[in-house]
Amino acid sequence: MDLREVKLGGETIYEGGFVSISRDKVRLPNGNEGQRIVIRHPGAACVLAVTDEEKVVLVRQWRYAANQATLELPAGKLDVAGEDMAACALRELAEETPYVADSVRLLYSFYTAVGFCNEKMYLFEAEGVRLGSTLANDEDEITETVLMSKEEVRQALANDEIKDGKTLIGLQYWLMKD
């Protein structure tokens, strides 16, 4: 069965610094017409970085939309169109934490909220993780670095302390590894 929906028209509801929101009219596979609200996003990268001491590098930051501080893998959006995803992951690690990495390897890519947003997240695993960053967070971003062992991560998961999707994916990969 062909499940494609065809855009018939649309209007921009909001055009922001890095996202836009549109209301699109679509033709459904059954021939009927429908409406879709879509948030368009440039894409983002996150990085699973583990130190030589077998501690995962996380950041705690306030998330206004969730009205709480969350524990997350370092991550961020592409800064410029066409930015290399691996470079983005390395930059975000160095901006949000005191850590750097020699390289990263792509593990997965996935949509963060496929029902209404086209943001595609690229999850990388860092190699050669060490202290040494000289970069700083964006001025509107305040993070606290948190290092956790596998046992501490398991406990945090059991206590429902980690709620971010990209982080859950990355940590489950790390816990299942070996």
C-alpha atoms as a PDB file:
ATOM      1  CA  MET A   1       0.000   0.000   0.000  1.00  0.00           C
ATOM      2  CA  ASP A   2       1.254   3.512  -0.828  1.00  0.00           C
ATOM      3  CA  LEU A   3       1.104   5.502   2.428  1.00  0.00           C
ATOM      4  CA  ARG A   4       2.547   8.763   1.089  1.00  0.00           C
ATOM      5  CA  GLU A   5       0.830  12.051   1.825  1.00  0.00           C
ATOM      6  CA  VAL A   6       1.252  14.724  -0.846  1.00  0.00           C
ATOM      7  CA  LYS A   7       1.558  18.381   0.093  1.00  0.00           C
ATOM      8  CA  LEU A   8      -1.066  20.463  -1.693  1.00  0.00           C
ATOM      9  CA  GLY A   9      -0.177  23.793  -0.146  1.00  0.00           C
ATOM     10  CA  GLY A  10       0.810  25.402   3.099  1.00  0.00           C
ATOM     11  CA  GLU A  11       1.506  28.479   5.105  1.00  0.00           C
ATOM     12  CA  THR A  12       4.308  29.412   7.458  1.00  0.00           C
ATOM     13  CA  ILE A  13       2.965  30.045  10.948  1.00  0.00           C
ATOM     14  CA  TYR A  14       6.318  30.900  12.522  1.00  0.00           C
ATOM     15  CA  GLU A  15       9.817  31.497  11.194  1.00  0.00           C
ATOM     16  CA  GLY A  16      12.457  31.498  13.940  1.00  0.00           C
ATOM     17  CA  GLY A  17      16.186  31.427  14.339  1.00  0.00           C
ATOM     18  CA  PHE A  18      16.493  27.706  13.730  1.00  0.00           C
ATOM     19  CA  VAL A  19      12.968  26.295  13.462  1.00  0.00           C
ATOM     20  CA  SER A  20       9.955  27.075  11.368  1.00  0.00           C
ATOM     21  CA  ILE A  21       6.380  25.942  11.859  1.00  0.00           C
ATOM     22  CA  SER A  22       3.995  25.432   8.979  1.00  0.00           C
ATOM     23  CA  ARG A  23       0.396  24.382   8.478  1.00  0.00           C
ATOM     24  CA  ASP A  24       0.258  22.180   5.399  1.00  0.00           C
ATOM     25  CA  LYS A  25      -2.702  20.887   3.431  1.00  0.00           C
ATOM     26  CA  VAL A  26      -2.117  17.307   2.262  1.00  0.00           C
ATOM     27  CA  ARG A  27      -3.745  14.666   0.099  1.00  0.00           C
ATOM     28  CA  LEU A  28      -4.056  11.471   2.119  1.00  0.00           C
ATOM     29  CA  PRO A  29      -3.472   8.001   0.625  1.00  0.00           C
ATOM     30  CA  ASN A  30      -7.236   7.410   0.570  1.00  0.00           C
ATOM     31  CA  GLY A  31      -7.811  10.545  -1.544  1.00  0.00           C
ATOM     32  CA  ASN A  32      -9.161  12.713   1.270  1.00  0.00           C
ATOM     33  CA  GLU A  33      -7.510  15.962   2.285  1.00  0.00           C
ATOM     34  CA  GLY A  34      -5.985  16.625   5.674  1.00  0.00           C
ATOM     35  CA  GLN A  35      -3.960  19.176   7.568  1.00  0.00           C
ATOM     36  CA  ARG A  36      -0.534  18.765   9.154  1.00  0.00           C
ATOM     37  CA  ILE A  37       1.334  21.085  11.514  1.00  0.00           C
ATOM     38  CA  VAL A  38       5.068  20.582  10.996  1.00  0.00           C
ATOM     39  CA  ILE A  39       8.076  21.895  12.893  1.00  0.00           C
ATOM     40  CA  ARG A  40      11.085  21.998  10.582  1.00  0.00           C
ATOM     41  CA  HIS A  41      14.493  21.745  12.252  1.00  0.00           C
ATOM     42  CA  PRO A  42      18.027  21.718  10.771  1.00  0.00           C
ATOM     43  CA  GLY A  43      19.066  18.528  12.571  1.00  0.00           C
ATOM     44  CA  ALA A  44      21.236  17.834  15.588  1.00  0.00           C
ATOM     45  CA  ALA A  45      23.991  15.614  16.914  1.00  0.00           C
ATOM     46  CA  CYS A  46      24.566  14.036  20.303  1.00  0.00           C
ATOM     47  CA  VAL A  47      27.588  12.249  21.651  1.00  0.00           C
ATOM     48  CA  LEU A  48      28.093   9.265  23.935  1.00  0.00           C
ATOM     49  CA  ALA A  49      31.444  10.040  25.552  1.00  0.00           C
ATOM     50  CA  VAL A  50      32.977   7.638  28.074  1.00  0.00           C
ATOM     51  CA  THR A  51      36.140   8.456  30.018  1.00  0.00           C
ATOM     52  CA  ASP A  52      39.072   6.087  30.573  1.00  0.00           C
ATOM     53  CA  GLU A  53      37.601   5.553  34.052  1.00  0.00           C
ATOM     54  CA  GLU A  54      34.440   4.093  32.396  1.00  0.00           C
ATOM     55  CA  LYS A  55      32.245   7.063  33.330  1.00  0.00           C
ATOM     56  CA  VAL A  56      29.764   8.461  30.829  1.00  0.00           C
ATOM     57  CA  VAL A  57      29.814  12.241  30.356  1.00  0.00           C
ATOM     58  CA  LEU A  58      26.363  13.765  30.859  1.00  0.00           C
ATOM     59  CA  VAL A  59      25.111  17.296  31.263  1.00  0.00           C
ATOM     60  CA  ARG A  60      22.405  18.547  33.569  1.00  0.00           C
ATOM     61  CA  GLN A  61      20.536  21.556  32.261  1.00  0.00           C
ATOM     62  CA  TRP A  62      17.242  23.312  32.738  1.00  0.00           C
ATOM     63  CA  ARG A  63      14.689  22.517  30.049  1.00  0.00           C
ATOM     64  CA  TYR A  64      12.088  25.240  30.002  1.00  0.00           C
ATOM     65  CA  ALA A  65       9.512  23.249  28.005  1.00  0.00           C
ATOM     66  CA  ALA A  66       9.641  20.393  30.532  1.00  0.00           C
ATOM     67  CA  ASN A  67       9.946  22.783  33.509  1.00  0.00           C
ATOM     68  CA  GLN A  68      12.748  20.732  35.026  1.00  0.00           C
ATOM     69  CA  ALA A  69      16.466  20.052  34.963  1.00  0.00           C
ATOM     70  CA  THR A  70      17.310  16.972  32.899  1.00  0.00           C
ATOM     71  CA  LEU A  71      20.306  14.676  32.575  1.00  0.00           C
ATOM     72  CA  GLU A  72      21.337  14.353  28.939  1.00  0.00           C
ATOM     73  CA  LEU A  73      24.090  13.377  26.579  1.00  0.00           C
ATOM     74  CA  PRO A  74      25.860  16.476  25.239  1.00  0.00           C
ATOM     75  CA  ALA A  75      24.010  17.546  22.099  1.00  0.00           C
ATOM     76  CA  GLY A  76      23.035  20.432  19.914  1.00  0.00           C
ATOM     77  CA  LYS A  77      21.728  21.597  16.601  1.00  0.00           C
ATOM     78  CA  LEU A  78      23.724  22.268  13.492  1.00  0.00           C
ATOM     79  CA  ASP A  79      25.108  25.800  13.685  1.00  0.00           C
ATOM     80  CA  VAL A  80      25.310  26.355   9.946  1.00  0.00           C
ATOM     81  CA  ALA A  81      23.621  24.694   6.992  1.00  0.00           C
ATOM     82  CA  GLY A  82      25.710  21.803   5.761  1.00  0.00           C
ATOM     83  CA  GLU A  83      27.782  21.492   8.949  1.00  0.00           C
ATOM     84  CA  ASP A  84      29.287  18.034   9.270  1.00  0.00           C
ATOM     85  CA  MET A  85      27.368  16.027  11.891  1.00  0.00           C
ATOM     86  CA  ALA A  86      30.537  14.516  13.363  1.00  0.00           C
ATOM     87  CA  ALA A  87      32.065  17.992  13.741  1.00  0.00           C
ATOM     88  CA  CYS A  88      28.850  19.141  15.396  1.00  0.00           C
ATOM     89  CA  ALA A  89      29.031  16.269  17.919  1.00  0.00           C
ATOM     90  CA  LEU A  90      32.672  17.028  18.757  1.00  0.00           C
ATOM     91  CA  ARG A  91      31.890  20.744  19.118  1.00  0.00           C
ATOM     92  CA  GLU A  92      28.912  20.125  21.400  1.00  0.00           C
ATOM     93  CA  LEU A  93      30.962  17.855  23.680  1.00  0.00           C
ATOM     94  CA  ALA A  94      33.635  20.554  23.984  1.00  0.00           C
ATOM     95  CA  GLU A  95      31.145  23.416  24.449  1.00  0.00           C
ATOM     96  CA  GLU A  96      28.953  21.765  27.059  1.00  0.00           C
ATOM     97  CA  THR A  97      31.614  19.902  29.076  1.00  0.00           C
ATOM     98  CA  PRO A  98      35.320  20.179  29.881  1.00  0.00           C
ATOM     99  CA  TYR A  99      35.922  17.118  27.656  1.00  0.00           C
ATOM    100  CA  VAL A 100      37.151  16.671  24.095  1.00  0.00           C
ATOM    101  CA  ALA A 101      37.486  13.576  21.923  1.00  0.00           C
ATOM    102  CA  ASP A 102      39.855  12.507  19.162  1.00  0.00           C
ATOM    103  CA  SER A 103      37.046  11.314  16.916  1.00  0.00           C
ATOM    104  CA  VAL A 104      33.468  10.088  16.812  1.00  0.00           C
ATOM    105  CA  ARG A 105      31.725   7.163  15.142  1.00  0.00           C
ATOM    106  CA  LEU A 106      28.084   7.264  14.060  1.00  0.00           C
ATOM    107  CA  LEU A 107      25.905   4.766  15.943  1.00  0.00           C
ATOM    108  CA  TYR A 108      22.348   5.694  14.930  1.00  0.00           C
ATOM    109  CA  SER A 109      20.243   8.406  13.377  1.00  0.00           C
ATOM    110  CA  PHE A 110      16.609   8.845  14.335  1.00  0.00           C
ATOM    111  CA  TYR A 111      13.745  11.326  14.345  1.00  0.00           C
ATOM    112  CA  THR A 112      13.123  12.926  17.731  1.00  0.00           C
ATOM    113  CA  ALA A 113       9.362  13.530  17.366  1.00  0.00           C
ATOM    114  CA  VAL A 114       8.381  12.111  13.979  1.00  0.00           C
ATOM    115  CA  GLY A 115       4.669  12.844  14.392  1.00  0.00           C
ATOM    116  CA  PHE A 116       5.113  16.600  14.036  1.00  0.00           C
ATOM    117  CA  CYS A 117       8.801  17.460  13.624  1.00  0.00           C
ATOM    118  CA  ASN A 118      11.449  16.609  11.015  1.00  0.00           C
ATOM    119  CA  GLU A 119      14.395  16.976  13.426  1.00  0.00           C
ATOM    120  CA  LYS A 120      16.839  14.158  12.749  1.00  0.00           C
ATOM    121  CA  MET A 121      19.288  13.365  15.540  1.00  0.00           C
ATOM    122  CA  TYR A 122      22.638  11.708  14.903  1.00  0.00           C
ATOM    123  CA  LEU A 123      24.044   9.733  17.847  1.00  0.00           C
ATOM    124  CA  PHE A 124      27.817   9.388  17.855  1.00  0.00           C
ATOM    125  CA  GLU A 125      30.184   7.444  20.084  1.00  0.00           C
ATOM    126  CA  ALA A 126      33.306   9.393  21.032  1.00  0.00           C
ATOM    127  CA  GLU A 127      36.783   7.911  20.985  1.00  0.00           C
ATOM    128  CA  GLY A 128      39.801   9.264  22.839  1.00  0.00           C
ATOM    129  CA  VAL A 129      37.770  11.154  25.458  1.00  0.00           C
ATOM    130  CA  ARG A 130      39.832  13.346  27.782  1.00  0.00           C
ATOM    131  CA  LEU A 131      39.752  16.633  29.676  1.00  0.00           C
ATOM    132  CA  GLY A 132      40.966  19.614  27.680  1.00  0.00           C
ATOM    133  CA  SER A 133      38.163  21.710  26.247  1.00  0.00           C
ATOM    134  CA  THR A 134      38.724  25.445  25.908  1.00  0.00           C
ATOM    135  CA  LEU A 135      35.271  26.108  24.432  1.00  0.00           C
ATOM    136  CA  ALA A 136      32.317  27.543  26.324  1.00  0.00           C
ATOM    137  CA  ASN A 137      28.557  27.100  26.214  1.00  0.00           C
ATOM    138  CA  ASP A 138      26.379  29.418  24.189  1.00  0.00           C
ATOM    139  CA  GLU A 139      25.463  32.436  26.321  1.00  0.00           C
ATOM    140  CA  ASP A 140      21.882  31.232  26.813  1.00  0.00           C
ATOM    141  CA  GLU A 141      22.926  27.689  27.791  1.00  0.00           C
ATOM    142  CA  ILE A 142      24.021  26.712  31.286  1.00  0.00           C
ATOM    143  CA  THR A 143      25.114  23.138  31.904  1.00  0.00           C
ATOM    144  CA  GLU A 144      26.615  21.122  34.726  1.00  0.00           C
ATOM    145  CA  THR A 145      28.824  18.153  33.834  1.00  0.00           C
ATOM    146  CA  VAL A 146      27.869  14.868  35.517  1.00  0.00           C
ATOM    147  CA  LEU A 147      29.967  11.691  35.281  1.00  0.00           C
ATOM    148  CA  MET A 148      28.262   8.362  35.941  1.00  0.00           C
ATOM    149  CA  SER A 149      29.405   4.745  36.052  1.00  0.00           C
ATOM    150  CA  LYS A 150      27.302   1.991  34.496  1.00  0.00           C
ATOM    151  CA  GLU A 151      25.935   1.100  37.934  1.00  0.00           C
ATOM    152  CA  GLU A 152      25.015   4.747  38.621  1.00  0.00           C
ATOM    153  CA  VAL A 153      23.272   4.926  35.229  1.00  0.00           C
ATOM    154  CA  ARG A 154      21.340   1.728  35.968  1.00  0.00           C
ATOM    155  CA  GLN A 155      20.233   3.203  39.297  1.00  0.00           C
ATOM    156  CA  ALA A 156      19.235   6.525  37.700  1.00  0.00           C
ATOM    157  CA  LEU A 157      17.204   4.632  35.085  1.00  0.00           C
ATOM    158  CA  ALA A 158      15.519   2.519  37.767  1.00  0.00           C
ATOM    159  CA  ASN A 159      14.635   5.734  39.646  1.00  0.00           C
ATOM    160  CA  ASP A 160      13.197   7.344  36.462  1.00  0.00           C
ATOM    161  CA  GLU A 161      15.769  10.158  36.681  1.00  0.00           C
ATOM    162  CA  ILE A 162      16.642  10.137  32.966  1.00  0.00           C
ATOM    163  CA  LYS A 163      13.764  11.116  30.681  1.00  0.00           C
ATOM    164  CA  ASP A 164      15.441  12.418  27.523  1.00  0.00           C
ATOM    165  CA  GLY A 165      14.978  10.173  24.463  1.00  0.00           C
ATOM    166  CA  LYS A 166      18.393  10.599  22.844  1.00  0.00           C
ATOM    167  CA  THR A 167      20.039   9.951  26.194  1.00  0.00           C
ATOM    168  CA  LEU A 168      17.987   6.820  26.830  1.00  0.00           C
ATOM    169  CA  ILE A 169      19.021   5.463  23.407  1.00  0.00           C
ATOM    170  CA  GLY A 170      22.703   6.237  23.951  1.00  0.00           C
ATOM    171  CA  LEU A 171      22.815   4.894  27.489  1.00  0.00           C
ATOM    172  CA  GLN A 172      20.993   1.674  26.580  1.00  0.00           C
ATOM    173  CA  TYR A 173      23.579   1.132  23.818  1.00  0.00           C
ATOM    174  CA  TRP A 174      26.400   1.694  26.329  1.00  0.00           C
ATOM    175  CA  LEU A 175      24.872  -0.608  28.951  1.00  0.00           C
ATOM    176  CA  MET A 176      24.323  -3.423  26.417  1.00  0.00           C
ATOM    177  CA  LYS A 177      27.860  -3.121  25.019  1.00  0.00           C
ATOM    178  CA  ASP A 178      30.498  -5.710  25.961  1.00  0.00           C
END
